[in-house]
Amino acid sequence: MLKNQIENDLKEALKSKDAVAVDALRMLKARIQNDEIAKQKEFGDEQIIEVIFSEVKKRNDSVEAYDKGGRAELADKERSEIAVLQKYLPKQLGEDEIRKVINETLSGQNLTAADFGKAMAAVMPKLKGKAQGSAISKVLKEILK
């Protein structure tokens, strides 16, 4: 189970004094626990992966903000934490694979850019956890043009 792996990796990071990994994994563990308490249920791997995606997205947003603000040291710290968190995510599909899945899913449907929401709703269940929503959205917009 992913939660056990995170716990074991946190212990290893503490033993090896890897401060970046310790910080990232402690924050992740706390976020998972808080979300479990809020939803009053224990998370399985699928929900934990959603939490990790959320944390990676949050850090990517922070990297952009730090880069714009000229805070390179903070941006580098966030990038290091992203690298730690991405170890727990399934392999992400590239643009070509996303395009292939979208084309297979939407084949036979005559959708336009106005049908973006409908198309996204049809595609997301097949790509959930395999690609970030922003990447899916970008490819889908290109296809629907």
N, C-alpha and C. Protein backbone atom coordinates (compact mmCIF):
# COMPACT_ATOMS: atom_id res chain seq x y z
N MET A 1 0.84 -1.18 0.00
CA MET A 1 0.00 0.00 0.00
C MET A 1 0.88 1.25 0.00
N LEU A 2 0.45 2.24 -0.70
CA LEU A 2 1.23 3.45 -0.89
C LEU A 2 1.51 4.18 0.42
N LYS A 3 0.54 4.16 1.32
CA LYS A 3 0.71 4.84 2.61
C LYS A 3 1.88 4.23 3.39
N ASN A 4 1.98 2.90 3.37
CA ASN A 4 3.08 2.22 4.06
C ASN A 4 4.42 2.56 3.42
N GLN A 5 4.44 2.63 2.10
CA GLN A 5 5.67 2.97 1.39
C GLN A 5 6.13 4.38 1.76
N ILE A 6 5.19 5.32 1.84
CA ILE A 6 5.53 6.69 2.22
C ILE A 6 6.09 6.71 3.64
N GLU A 7 5.46 5.98 4.54
CA GLU A 7 5.92 5.90 5.93
C GLU A 7 7.33 5.32 6.00
N ASN A 8 7.59 4.23 5.28
CA ASN A 8 8.92 3.61 5.29
C ASN A 8 9.96 4.54 4.67
N ASP A 9 9.60 5.21 3.59
CA ASP A 9 10.54 6.14 2.96
C ASP A 9 10.83 7.33 3.87
N LEU A 10 9.85 7.76 4.65
CA LEU A 10 10.07 8.84 5.61
C LEU A 10 11.08 8.39 6.66
N LYS A 11 10.95 7.16 7.15
CA LYS A 11 11.90 6.64 8.13
C LYS A 11 13.31 6.59 7.54
N GLU A 12 13.42 6.12 6.29
CA GLU A 12 14.73 6.05 5.63
C GLU A 12 15.32 7.46 5.45
N ALA A 13 14.48 8.41 5.08
CA ALA A 13 14.95 9.79 4.88
C ALA A 13 15.44 10.37 6.21
N LEU A 14 14.74 10.05 7.29
CA LEU A 14 15.18 10.52 8.61
C LEU A 14 16.53 9.91 8.98
N LYS A 15 16.69 8.61 8.70
CA LYS A 15 17.96 7.94 9.01
C LYS A 15 19.11 8.51 8.20
N SER A 16 18.84 8.81 6.92
CA SER A 16 19.91 9.31 6.04
C SER A 16 20.05 10.83 6.10
N LYS A 17 19.23 11.47 6.95
CA LYS A 17 19.27 12.92 7.14
C LYS A 17 19.06 13.69 5.83
N ASP A 18 18.13 13.20 5.01
CA ASP A 18 17.75 13.86 3.76
C ASP A 18 16.64 14.85 4.08
N ALA A 19 17.03 16.10 4.35
CA ALA A 19 16.09 17.12 4.83
C ALA A 19 14.96 17.40 3.84
N VAL A 20 15.27 17.45 2.56
CA VAL A 20 14.25 17.75 1.55
C VAL A 20 13.19 16.65 1.53
N ALA A 21 13.64 15.40 1.51
CA ALA A 21 12.70 14.27 1.49
C ALA A 21 11.88 14.22 2.77
N VAL A 22 12.52 14.48 3.90
CA VAL A 22 11.81 14.48 5.18
C VAL A 22 10.70 15.53 5.16
N ASP A 23 11.03 16.76 4.73
CA ASP A 23 10.03 17.83 4.68
C ASP A 23 8.88 17.47 3.75
N ALA A 24 9.20 17.00 2.55
CA ALA A 24 8.17 16.68 1.57
C ALA A 24 7.27 15.55 2.06
N LEU A 25 7.88 14.50 2.60
CA LEU A 25 7.10 13.34 3.04
C LEU A 25 6.28 13.63 4.29
N ARG A 26 6.82 14.45 5.19
CA ARG A 26 6.04 14.83 6.37
C ARG A 26 4.82 15.66 5.97
N MET A 27 5.02 16.61 5.04
CA MET A 27 3.89 17.41 4.58
C MET A 27 2.85 16.54 3.87
N LEU A 28 3.33 15.60 3.07
CA LEU A 28 2.42 14.70 2.36
C LEU A 28 1.64 13.83 3.35
N LYS A 29 2.34 13.28 4.32
CA LYS A 29 1.70 12.42 5.32
C LYS A 29 0.64 13.22 6.10
N ALA A 30 0.97 14.44 6.48
CA ALA A 30 0.02 15.29 7.21
C ALA A 30 -1.19 15.61 6.34
N ARG A 31 -0.96 15.92 5.07
CA ARG A 31 -2.07 16.24 4.17
C ARG A 31 -3.00 15.03 4.00
N ILE A 32 -2.41 13.84 3.87
CA ILE A 32 -3.23 12.63 3.74
C ILE A 32 -4.06 12.42 5.00
N GLN A 33 -3.42 12.56 6.17
CA GLN A 33 -4.14 12.38 7.43
C GLN A 33 -5.26 13.40 7.59
N ASN A 34 -4.98 14.66 7.26
CA ASN A 34 -6.00 15.71 7.36
C ASN A 34 -7.18 15.44 6.43
N ASP A 35 -6.88 15.01 5.21
CA ASP A 35 -7.95 14.71 4.26
C ASP A 35 -8.77 13.50 4.71
N GLU A 36 -8.09 12.50 5.28
CA GLU A 36 -8.81 11.33 5.79
C GLU A 36 -9.75 11.73 6.93
N ILE A 37 -9.28 12.59 7.81
CA ILE A 37 -10.11 13.06 8.92
C ILE A 37 -11.29 13.85 8.39
N ALA A 38 -11.04 14.73 7.42
CA ALA A 38 -12.11 15.55 6.86
C ALA A 38 -13.17 14.70 6.18
N LYS A 39 -12.75 13.66 5.50
CA LYS A 39 -13.70 12.81 4.77
C LYS A 39 -14.17 11.62 5.60
N GLN A 40 -13.61 11.48 6.80
CA GLN A 40 -13.97 10.42 7.75
C GLN A 40 -13.88 9.02 7.14
N LYS A 41 -12.80 8.79 6.39
CA LYS A 41 -12.56 7.45 5.88
C LYS A 41 -11.07 7.31 5.57
N GLU A 42 -10.60 6.07 5.61
CA GLU A 42 -9.20 5.81 5.30
C GLU A 42 -9.03 5.74 3.79
N PHE A 43 -7.98 6.38 3.30
CA PHE A 43 -7.75 6.46 1.86
C PHE A 43 -7.04 5.21 1.35
N GLY A 44 -7.42 4.80 0.15
CA GLY A 44 -6.71 3.77 -0.58
C GLY A 44 -5.68 4.44 -1.48
N ASP A 45 -4.99 3.64 -2.26
CA ASP A 45 -3.94 4.17 -3.13
C ASP A 45 -4.46 5.21 -4.11
N GLU A 46 -5.66 5.01 -4.64
CA GLU A 46 -6.20 5.93 -5.64
C GLU A 46 -6.39 7.34 -5.06
N GLN A 47 -6.95 7.42 -3.85
CA GLN A 47 -7.14 8.72 -3.22
C GLN A 47 -5.80 9.35 -2.84
N ILE A 48 -4.85 8.52 -2.41
CA ILE A 48 -3.53 9.04 -2.05
C ILE A 48 -2.85 9.62 -3.28
N ILE A 49 -3.00 8.96 -4.42
CA ILE A 49 -2.42 9.47 -5.66
C ILE A 49 -3.03 10.83 -6.01
N GLU A 50 -4.34 10.99 -5.79
CA GLU A 50 -4.98 12.28 -6.03
C GLU A 50 -4.38 13.36 -5.13
N VAL A 51 -4.13 13.01 -3.86
CA VAL A 51 -3.52 13.97 -2.93
C VAL A 51 -2.12 14.33 -3.41
N ILE A 52 -1.36 13.35 -3.87
CA ILE A 52 0.00 13.61 -4.35
C ILE A 52 -0.04 14.51 -5.58
N PHE A 53 -0.97 14.24 -6.52
CA PHE A 53 -1.13 15.12 -7.68
C PHE A 53 -1.39 16.55 -7.23
N SER A 54 -2.26 16.69 -6.25
CA SER A 54 -2.61 18.02 -5.73
C SER A 54 -1.38 18.71 -5.15
N GLU A 55 -0.59 17.98 -4.39
CA GLU A 55 0.62 18.55 -3.79
C GLU A 55 1.65 18.94 -4.86
N VAL A 56 1.80 18.11 -5.88
CA VAL A 56 2.73 18.43 -6.97
C VAL A 56 2.26 19.68 -7.70
N LYS A 57 0.97 19.77 -7.96
CA LYS A 57 0.42 20.95 -8.65
C LYS A 57 0.66 22.21 -7.81
N LYS A 58 0.43 22.09 -6.51
CA LYS A 58 0.64 23.23 -5.61
C LYS A 58 2.10 23.69 -5.67
N ARG A 59 3.01 22.73 -5.68
CA ARG A 59 4.43 23.08 -5.72
C ARG A 59 4.83 23.65 -7.08
N ASN A 60 4.24 23.14 -8.16
CA ASN A 60 4.52 23.72 -9.48
C ASN A 60 4.07 25.18 -9.54
N ASP A 61 2.91 25.47 -8.94
CA ASP A 61 2.43 26.85 -8.88
C ASP A 61 3.39 27.71 -8.07
N SER A 62 3.90 27.16 -6.97
CA SER A 62 4.86 27.89 -6.13
C SER A 62 6.15 28.16 -6.89
N VAL A 63 6.61 27.17 -7.66
CA VAL A 63 7.84 27.36 -8.45
C VAL A 63 7.68 28.54 -9.40
N GLU A 64 6.53 28.61 -10.09
CA GLU A 64 6.28 29.72 -11.00
C GLU A 64 6.31 31.05 -10.26
N ALA A 65 5.65 31.10 -9.11
CA ALA A 65 5.59 32.34 -8.34
C ALA A 65 6.98 32.74 -7.85
N TYR A 66 7.75 31.77 -7.36
CA TYR A 66 9.10 32.07 -6.87
C TYR A 66 10.01 32.53 -8.01
N ASP A 67 9.89 31.90 -9.17
CA ASP A 67 10.70 32.31 -10.32
C ASP A 67 10.38 33.74 -10.73
N LYS A 68 9.09 34.07 -10.76
CA LYS A 68 8.68 35.44 -11.11
C LYS A 68 9.18 36.44 -10.09
N GLY A 69 9.21 36.02 -8.82
CA GLY A 69 9.63 36.91 -7.75
C GLY A 69 11.13 36.93 -7.53
N GLY A 70 11.88 36.18 -8.33
CA GLY A 70 13.33 36.18 -8.20
C GLY A 70 13.83 35.42 -6.98
N ARG A 71 13.07 34.45 -6.51
CA ARG A 71 13.46 33.67 -5.34
C ARG A 71 13.92 32.28 -5.78
N ALA A 72 15.06 32.21 -6.43
CA ALA A 72 15.56 30.97 -7.03
C ALA A 72 15.77 29.87 -5.99
N GLU A 73 16.25 30.23 -4.79
CA GLU A 73 16.52 29.20 -3.77
C GLU A 73 15.24 28.51 -3.33
N LEU A 74 14.15 29.27 -3.20
CA LEU A 74 12.87 28.66 -2.82
C LEU A 74 12.29 27.82 -3.96
N ALA A 75 12.48 28.31 -5.19
CA ALA A 75 12.01 27.56 -6.36
C ALA A 75 12.75 26.22 -6.45
N ASP A 76 14.05 26.23 -6.19
CA ASP A 76 14.84 25.00 -6.23
C ASP A 76 14.38 24.00 -5.16
N LYS A 77 14.05 24.52 -3.97
CA LYS A 77 13.56 23.66 -2.89
C LYS A 77 12.25 23.00 -3.30
N GLU A 78 11.36 23.77 -3.90
CA GLU A 78 10.07 23.22 -4.36
C GLU A 78 10.29 22.16 -5.45
N ARG A 79 11.22 22.43 -6.36
CA ARG A 79 11.52 21.45 -7.42
C ARG A 79 12.04 20.14 -6.82
N SER A 80 12.88 20.26 -5.79
CA SER A 80 13.40 19.06 -5.13
C SER A 80 12.28 18.27 -4.48
N GLU A 81 11.32 18.97 -3.86
CA GLU A 81 10.19 18.29 -3.23
C GLU A 81 9.30 17.64 -4.29
N ILE A 82 9.14 18.29 -5.44
CA ILE A 82 8.36 17.71 -6.54
C ILE A 82 9.00 16.39 -6.96
N ALA A 83 10.32 16.37 -7.07
CA ALA A 83 11.03 15.14 -7.47
C ALA A 83 10.78 14.01 -6.47
N VAL A 84 10.75 14.35 -5.18
CA VAL A 84 10.49 13.34 -4.14
C VAL A 84 9.07 12.80 -4.29
N LEU A 85 8.10 13.69 -4.49
CA LEU A 85 6.69 13.29 -4.56
C LEU A 85 6.38 12.49 -5.83
N GLN A 86 7.05 12.82 -6.92
CA GLN A 86 6.74 12.16 -8.19
C GLN A 86 7.12 10.68 -8.20
N LYS A 87 7.96 10.26 -7.26
CA LYS A 87 8.29 8.84 -7.16
C LYS A 87 7.06 8.00 -6.86
N TYR A 88 6.05 8.60 -6.24
CA TYR A 88 4.86 7.86 -5.82
C TYR A 88 3.73 7.90 -6.84
N LEU A 89 3.92 8.65 -7.90
CA LEU A 89 2.89 8.76 -8.93
C LEU A 89 3.12 7.72 -10.01
N PRO A 90 2.05 7.23 -10.62
CA PRO A 90 2.24 6.31 -11.75
C PRO A 90 2.91 7.04 -12.91
N LYS A 91 3.52 6.27 -13.79
CA LYS A 91 4.19 6.87 -14.95
C LYS A 91 3.17 7.71 -15.72
N GLN A 92 3.57 8.94 -16.02
CA GLN A 92 2.67 9.86 -16.71
C GLN A 92 2.78 9.67 -18.22
N LEU A 93 1.63 9.74 -18.88
CA LEU A 93 1.60 9.61 -20.34
C LEU A 93 2.12 10.88 -20.98
N GLY A 94 2.77 10.73 -22.12
CA GLY A 94 3.23 11.87 -22.89
C GLY A 94 2.09 12.41 -23.75
N GLU A 95 2.36 13.53 -24.43
CA GLU A 95 1.32 14.16 -25.26
C GLU A 95 0.80 13.22 -26.34
N ASP A 96 1.70 12.45 -26.95
CA ASP A 96 1.28 11.54 -28.03
C ASP A 96 0.32 10.46 -27.51
N GLU A 97 0.64 9.89 -26.33
CA GLU A 97 -0.23 8.87 -25.76
C GLU A 97 -1.58 9.46 -25.36
N ILE A 98 -1.55 10.68 -24.80
CA ILE A 98 -2.80 11.37 -24.42
C ILE A 98 -3.64 11.59 -25.67
N ARG A 99 -3.00 12.07 -26.73
CA ARG A 99 -3.72 12.33 -27.99
C ARG A 99 -4.36 11.05 -28.51
N LYS A 100 -3.63 9.93 -28.42
CA LYS A 100 -4.15 8.65 -28.91
C LYS A 100 -5.39 8.23 -28.12
N VAL A 101 -5.33 8.32 -26.79
CA VAL A 101 -6.48 7.95 -25.95
C VAL A 101 -7.67 8.86 -26.23
N ILE A 102 -7.42 10.15 -26.39
CA ILE A 102 -8.50 11.10 -26.68
C ILE A 102 -9.14 10.76 -28.02
N ASN A 103 -8.32 10.51 -29.04
CA ASN A 103 -8.87 10.19 -30.36
C ASN A 103 -9.68 8.90 -30.34
N GLU A 104 -9.20 7.89 -29.60
CA GLU A 104 -9.95 6.63 -29.49
C GLU A 104 -11.28 6.85 -28.78
N THR A 105 -11.24 7.65 -27.72
CA THR A 105 -12.45 7.89 -26.92
C THR A 105 -13.49 8.69 -27.69
N LEU A 106 -13.03 9.68 -28.43
CA LEU A 106 -13.96 10.60 -29.10
C LEU A 106 -14.23 10.23 -30.55
N SER A 107 -13.67 9.11 -31.03
CA SER A 107 -13.89 8.76 -32.44
C SER A 107 -15.38 8.53 -32.70
N GLY A 108 -15.83 9.02 -33.82
CA GLY A 108 -17.24 8.86 -34.18
C GLY A 108 -18.13 9.97 -33.63
N GLN A 109 -17.59 10.77 -32.72
CA GLN A 109 -18.36 11.89 -32.19
C GLN A 109 -17.91 13.15 -32.90
N ASN A 110 -18.83 13.93 -33.35
CA ASN A 110 -18.50 15.17 -34.06
C ASN A 110 -18.55 16.32 -33.07
N LEU A 111 -17.45 16.49 -32.31
CA LEU A 111 -17.40 17.52 -31.27
C LEU A 111 -16.63 18.74 -31.74
N THR A 112 -17.05 19.90 -31.26
CA THR A 112 -16.36 21.15 -31.58
C THR A 112 -15.80 21.73 -30.29
N ALA A 113 -15.14 22.88 -30.41
CA ALA A 113 -14.57 23.54 -29.24
C ALA A 113 -15.65 23.88 -28.21
N ALA A 114 -16.88 24.10 -28.67
CA ALA A 114 -17.98 24.41 -27.76
C ALA A 114 -18.35 23.20 -26.89
N ASP A 115 -17.98 22.00 -27.32
CA ASP A 115 -18.29 20.78 -26.58
C ASP A 115 -17.13 20.34 -25.68
N PHE A 116 -16.26 21.27 -25.34
CA PHE A 116 -15.06 20.95 -24.56
C PHE A 116 -15.42 20.22 -23.26
N GLY A 117 -16.39 20.73 -22.52
CA GLY A 117 -16.77 20.13 -21.24
C GLY A 117 -17.24 18.69 -21.40
N LYS A 118 -18.05 18.45 -22.42
CA LYS A 118 -18.56 17.11 -22.68
C LYS A 118 -17.40 16.17 -23.05
N ALA A 119 -16.49 16.67 -23.88
CA ALA A 119 -15.34 15.86 -24.30
C ALA A 119 -14.43 15.55 -23.11
N MET A 120 -14.19 16.55 -22.28
CA MET A 120 -13.34 16.37 -21.11
C MET A 120 -13.96 15.33 -20.16
N ALA A 121 -15.27 15.39 -19.98
CA ALA A 121 -15.96 14.43 -19.12
C ALA A 121 -15.84 13.00 -19.66
N ALA A 122 -15.82 12.85 -20.97
CA ALA A 122 -15.70 11.52 -21.57
C ALA A 122 -14.28 10.98 -21.46
N VAL A 123 -13.30 11.86 -21.52
CA VAL A 123 -11.89 11.46 -21.57
C VAL A 123 -11.29 11.25 -20.17
N MET A 124 -11.68 12.06 -19.21
CA MET A 124 -11.04 12.04 -17.89
C MET A 124 -11.06 10.66 -17.20
N PRO A 125 -12.16 9.92 -17.22
CA PRO A 125 -12.13 8.62 -16.54
C PRO A 125 -11.03 7.68 -17.08
N LYS A 126 -10.73 7.78 -18.36
CA LYS A 126 -9.71 6.90 -18.95
C LYS A 126 -8.29 7.36 -18.65
N LEU A 127 -8.12 8.66 -18.39
CA LEU A 127 -6.78 9.20 -18.19
C LEU A 127 -6.49 9.59 -16.74
N LYS A 128 -7.47 9.44 -15.87
CA LYS A 128 -7.30 9.85 -14.48
C LYS A 128 -6.14 9.08 -13.85
N GLY A 129 -5.22 9.82 -13.25
CA GLY A 129 -4.06 9.21 -12.62
C GLY A 129 -2.92 8.91 -13.57
N LYS A 130 -3.18 8.99 -14.87
CA LYS A 130 -2.15 8.69 -15.87
C LYS A 130 -1.57 9.96 -16.48
N ALA A 131 -2.30 11.07 -16.32
CA ALA A 131 -1.84 12.34 -16.86
C ALA A 131 -2.48 13.46 -16.06
N GLN A 132 -1.78 14.59 -15.98
CA GLN A 132 -2.33 15.73 -15.26
C GLN A 132 -3.43 16.38 -16.08
N GLY A 133 -4.41 16.91 -15.39
CA GLY A 133 -5.55 17.54 -16.03
C GLY A 133 -5.16 18.64 -16.99
N SER A 134 -4.14 19.41 -16.63
CA SER A 134 -3.71 20.52 -17.50
C SER A 134 -3.16 20.00 -18.83
N ALA A 135 -2.44 18.89 -18.80
CA ALA A 135 -1.90 18.30 -20.03
C ALA A 135 -3.03 17.75 -20.90
N ILE A 136 -4.00 17.11 -20.26
CA ILE A 136 -5.15 16.57 -20.99
C ILE A 136 -5.92 17.70 -21.64
N SER A 137 -6.16 18.75 -20.88
CA SER A 137 -6.91 19.91 -21.37
C SER A 137 -6.22 20.55 -22.56
N LYS A 138 -4.90 20.69 -22.48
CA LYS A 138 -4.13 21.31 -23.56
C LYS A 138 -4.28 20.51 -24.86
N VAL A 139 -4.09 19.19 -24.78
CA VAL A 139 -4.19 18.34 -25.97
C VAL A 139 -5.62 18.33 -26.51
N LEU A 140 -6.59 18.27 -25.62
CA LEU A 140 -7.99 18.25 -26.04
C LEU A 140 -8.37 19.54 -26.77
N LYS A 141 -7.88 20.67 -26.27
CA LYS A 141 -8.16 21.95 -26.94
C LYS A 141 -7.57 21.97 -28.35
N GLU A 142 -6.37 21.41 -28.50
CA GLU A 142 -5.74 21.35 -29.83
C GLU A 142 -6.57 20.49 -30.78
N ILE A 143 -7.07 19.37 -30.28
CA ILE A 143 -7.85 18.45 -31.12
C ILE A 143 -9.18 19.07 -31.52
N LEU A 144 -9.83 19.77 -30.61
CA LEU A 144 -11.17 20.31 -30.87
C LEU A 144 -11.17 21.59 -31.70
N LYS A 145 -10.01 22.16 -31.97
CA LYS A 145 -9.96 23.41 -32.75
C LYS A 145 -10.52 23.22 -34.13
